[in-house]
Amino acid sequence: MKAASLLILAALFLSACNTFEGIGRDIQKGGEAIERAADKASK
């Protein structure tokens, strides 16, 4: 029972890491788009 619980917790932890990584990439892409728009506006 303990092994199964640890396996489930490990799977949840790893999936959470992938989720946060995806959110980080989305935020980064949004920031890059804002930066490009600001560059165009300043020219």
PDB file of N, CA and C in Angstrom:
ATOM      1  N   MET A   1       0.830  -1.200   0.000  1.00  0.00           N
ATOM      2  CA  MET A   1       0.000   0.000   0.000  1.00  0.00           C
ATOM      3  C   MET A   1       0.871   1.259   0.000  1.00  0.00           C
ATOM      4  N   LYS A   2       1.952   1.254   0.781  1.00  0.00           N
ATOM      5  CA  LYS A   2       2.834   2.425   0.822  1.00  0.00           C
ATOM      6  C   LYS A   2       3.494   2.651  -0.530  1.00  0.00           C
ATOM      7  N   ALA A   3       3.897   1.563  -1.184  1.00  0.00           N
ATOM      8  CA  ALA A   3       4.560   1.696  -2.480  1.00  0.00           C
ATOM      9  C   ALA A   3       3.609   2.298  -3.510  1.00  0.00           C
ATOM     10  N   ALA A   4       2.368   1.868  -3.488  1.00  0.00           N
ATOM     11  CA  ALA A   4       1.386   2.405  -4.433  1.00  0.00           C
ATOM     12  C   ALA A   4       1.137   3.886  -4.158  1.00  0.00           C
ATOM     13  N   SER A   5       1.059   4.244  -2.893  1.00  0.00           N
ATOM     14  CA  SER A   5       0.849   5.648  -2.535  1.00  0.00           C
ATOM     15  C   SER A   5       2.020   6.508  -2.989  1.00  0.00           C
ATOM     16  N   LEU A   6       3.230   6.014  -2.786  1.00  0.00           N
ATOM     17  CA  LEU A   6       4.411   6.764  -3.218  1.00  0.00           C
ATOM     18  C   LEU A   6       4.450   6.903  -4.732  1.00  0.00           C
ATOM     19  N   LEU A   7       4.058   5.860  -5.430  1.00  0.00           N
ATOM     20  CA  LEU A   7       4.043   5.902  -6.887  1.00  0.00           C
ATOM     21  C   LEU A   7       3.031   6.933  -7.388  1.00  0.00           C
ATOM     22  N   ILE A   8       1.870   6.960  -6.774  1.00  0.00           N
ATOM     23  CA  ILE A   8       0.843   7.936  -7.155  1.00  0.00           C
ATOM     24  C   ILE A   8       1.317   9.359  -6.857  1.00  0.00           C
ATOM     25  N   LEU A   9       1.918   9.560  -5.697  1.00  0.00           N
ATOM     26  CA  LEU A   9       2.426  10.894  -5.352  1.00  0.00           C
ATOM     27  C   LEU A   9       3.519  11.341  -6.316  1.00  0.00           C
ATOM     28  N   ALA A  10       4.403  10.413  -6.687  1.00  0.00           N
ATOM     29  CA  ALA A  10       5.471  10.742  -7.627  1.00  0.00           C
ATOM     30  C   ALA A  10       4.887  11.133  -8.985  1.00  0.00           C
ATOM     31  N   ALA A  11       3.875  10.413  -9.435  1.00  0.00           N
ATOM     32  CA  ALA A  11       3.244  10.727 -10.719  1.00  0.00           C
ATOM     33  C   ALA A  11       2.574  12.098 -10.671  1.00  0.00           C
ATOM     34  N   LEU A  12       1.892  12.395  -9.580  1.00  0.00           N
ATOM     35  CA  LEU A  12       1.249  13.708  -9.440  1.00  0.00           C
ATOM     36  C   LEU A  12       2.279  14.826  -9.410  1.00  0.00           C
ATOM     37  N   PHE A  13       3.379  14.604  -8.704  1.00  0.00           N
ATOM     38  CA  PHE A  13       4.434  15.617  -8.616  1.00  0.00           C
ATOM     39  C   PHE A  13       5.030  15.897  -9.989  1.00  0.00           C
ATOM     40  N   LEU A  14       5.302  14.834 -10.740  1.00  0.00           N
ATOM     41  CA  LEU A  14       5.902  15.014 -12.061  1.00  0.00           C
ATOM     42  C   LEU A  14       4.939  15.703 -13.021  1.00  0.00           C
ATOM     43  N   SER A  15       3.671  15.378 -12.946  1.00  0.00           N
ATOM     44  CA  SER A  15       2.713  16.045 -13.828  1.00  0.00           C
ATOM     45  C   SER A  15       2.562  17.512 -13.443  1.00  0.00           C
ATOM     46  N   ALA A  16       2.643  17.813 -12.160  1.00  0.00           N
ATOM     47  CA  ALA A  16       2.574  19.207 -11.716  1.00  0.00           C
ATOM     48  C   ALA A  16       3.774  19.988 -12.233  1.00  0.00           C
ATOM     49  N   CYS A  17       4.942  19.376 -12.243  1.00  0.00           N
ATOM     50  CA  CYS A  17       6.139  20.055 -12.762  1.00  0.00           C
ATOM     51  C   CYS A  17       5.949  20.402 -14.230  1.00  0.00           C
ATOM     52  N   ASN A  18       5.405  19.469 -15.004  1.00  0.00           N
ATOM     53  CA  ASN A  18       5.176  19.744 -16.422  1.00  0.00           C
ATOM     54  C   ASN A  18       4.158  20.858 -16.604  1.00  0.00           C
ATOM     55  N   THR A  19       3.161  20.899 -15.758  1.00  0.00           N
ATOM     56  CA  THR A  19       2.150  21.948 -15.845  1.00  0.00           C
ATOM     57  C   THR A  19       2.771  23.313 -15.575  1.00  0.00           C
ATOM     58  N   PHE A  20       3.586  23.415 -14.531  1.00  0.00           N
ATOM     59  CA  PHE A  20       4.228  24.693 -14.214  1.00  0.00           C
ATOM     60  C   PHE A  20       5.204  25.097 -15.307  1.00  0.00           C
ATOM     61  N   GLU A  21       5.872  24.120 -15.912  1.00  0.00           N
ATOM     62  CA  GLU A  21       6.791  24.431 -17.003  1.00  0.00           C
ATOM     63  C   GLU A  21       6.015  25.016 -18.184  1.00  0.00           C
ATOM     64  N   GLY A  22       4.869  24.441 -18.478  1.00  0.00           N
ATOM     65  CA  GLY A  22       4.034  24.948 -19.570  1.00  0.00           C
ATOM     66  C   GLY A  22       3.533  26.351 -19.300  1.00  0.00           C
ATOM     67  N   ILE A  23       3.134  26.604 -18.071  1.00  0.00           N
ATOM     68  CA  ILE A  23       2.669  27.944 -17.696  1.00  0.00           C
ATOM     69  C   ILE A  23       3.809  28.945 -17.855  1.00  0.00           C
ATOM     70  N   GLY A  24       5.004  28.549 -17.453  1.00  0.00           N
ATOM     71  CA  GLY A  24       6.169  29.425 -17.583  1.00  0.00           C
ATOM     72  C   GLY A  24       6.450  29.774 -19.033  1.00  0.00           C
ATOM     73  N   ARG A  25       6.334  28.783 -19.910  1.00  0.00           N
ATOM     74  CA  ARG A  25       6.555  29.050 -21.335  1.00  0.00           C
ATOM     75  C   ARG A  25       5.490  29.990 -21.889  1.00  0.00           C
ATOM     76  N   ASP A  26       4.235  29.789 -21.477  1.00  0.00           N
ATOM     77  CA  ASP A  26       3.155  30.663 -21.945  1.00  0.00           C
ATOM     78  C   ASP A  26       3.390  32.101 -21.506  1.00  0.00           C
ATOM     79  N   ILE A  27       3.800  32.292 -20.268  1.00  0.00           N
ATOM     80  CA  ILE A  27       4.070  33.639 -19.752  1.00  0.00           C
ATOM     81  C   ILE A  27       5.234  34.263 -20.507  1.00  0.00           C
ATOM     82  N   GLN A  28       6.257  33.464 -20.783  1.00  0.00           N
ATOM     83  CA  GLN A  28       7.417  33.969 -21.507  1.00  0.00           C
ATOM     84  C   GLN A  28       7.019  34.404 -22.919  1.00  0.00           C
ATOM     85  N   LYS A  29       6.216  33.597 -23.600  1.00  0.00           N
ATOM     86  CA  LYS A  29       5.774  33.953 -24.956  1.00  0.00           C
ATOM     87  C   LYS A  29       4.930  35.231 -24.929  1.00  0.00           C
ATOM     88  N   GLY A  30       4.099  35.377 -23.908  1.00  0.00           N
ATOM     89  CA  GLY A  30       3.303  36.592 -23.772  1.00  0.00           C
ATOM     90  C   GLY A  30       4.182  37.813 -23.583  1.00  0.00           C
ATOM     91  N   GLY A  31       5.212  37.680 -22.772  1.00  0.00           N
ATOM     92  CA  GLY A  31       6.152  38.779 -22.555  1.00  0.00           C
ATOM     93  C   GLY A  31       6.896  39.147 -23.822  1.00  0.00           C
ATOM     94  N   GLU A  32       7.266  38.145 -24.604  1.00  0.00           N
ATOM     95  CA  GLU A  32       7.960  38.414 -25.863  1.00  0.00           C
ATOM     96  C   GLU A  32       7.046  39.150 -26.842  1.00  0.00           C
ATOM     97  N   ALA A  33       5.775  38.781 -26.869  1.00  0.00           N
ATOM     98  CA  ALA A  33       4.822  39.461 -27.755  1.00  0.00           C
ATOM     99  C   ALA A  33       4.652  40.919 -27.344  1.00  0.00           C
ATOM    100  N   ILE A  34       4.585  41.175 -26.055  1.00  0.00           N
ATOM    101  CA  ILE A  34       4.466  42.553 -25.560  1.00  0.00           C
ATOM    102  C   ILE A  34       5.714  43.345 -25.921  1.00  0.00           C
ATOM    103  N   GLU A  35       6.864  42.718 -25.786  1.00  0.00           N
ATOM    104  CA  GLU A  35       8.123  43.390 -26.119  1.00  0.00           C
ATOM    105  C   GLU A  35       8.174  43.746 -27.607  1.00  0.00           C
ATOM    106  N   ARG A  36       7.745  42.824 -28.467  1.00  0.00           N
ATOM    107  CA  ARG A  36       7.730  43.109 -29.908  1.00  0.00           C
ATOM    108  C   ARG A  36       6.774  44.262 -30.224  1.00  0.00           C
ATOM    109  N   ALA A  37       5.616  44.261 -29.585  1.00  0.00           N
ATOM    110  CA  ALA A  37       4.646  45.335 -29.817  1.00  0.00           C
ATOM    111  C   ALA A  37       5.209  46.677 -29.362  1.00  0.00           C
ATOM    112  N   ALA A  38       5.904  46.685 -28.245  1.00  0.00           N
ATOM    113  CA  ALA A  38       6.501  47.927 -27.747  1.00  0.00           C
ATOM    114  C   ALA A  38       7.598  48.408 -28.686  1.00  0.00           C
ATOM    115  N   ASP A  39       8.381  47.485 -29.226  1.00  0.00           N
ATOM    116  CA  ASP A  39       9.428  47.863 -30.176  1.00  0.00           C
ATOM    117  C   ASP A  39       8.825  48.484 -31.435  1.00  0.00           C
ATOM    118  N   LYS A  40       7.744  47.889 -31.937  1.00  0.00           N
ATOM    119  CA  LYS A  40       7.088  48.433 -33.132  1.00  0.00           C
ATOM    120  C   LYS A  40       6.517  49.822 -32.856  1.00  0.00           C
ATOM    121  N   ALA A  41       5.950  50.017 -31.683  1.00  0.00           N
ATOM    122  CA  ALA A  41       5.337  51.299 -31.339  1.00  0.00           C
ATOM    123  C   ALA A  41       6.381  52.397 -31.181  1.00  0.00           C
ATOM    124  N   SER A  42       7.579  52.041 -30.770  1.00  0.00           N
ATOM    125  CA  SER A  42       8.607  53.054 -30.529  1.00  0.00           C
ATOM    126  C   SER A  42       9.351  53.445 -31.799  1.00  0.00           C
ATOM    127  N   LYS A  43       9.106  52.756 -32.894  1.00  0.00           N
ATOM    128  CA  LYS A  43       9.822  53.079 -34.145  1.00  0.00           C
ATOM    129  C   LYS A  43       9.106  54.112 -34.952  1.00  0.00           C
TER     130      LYS A  43
END
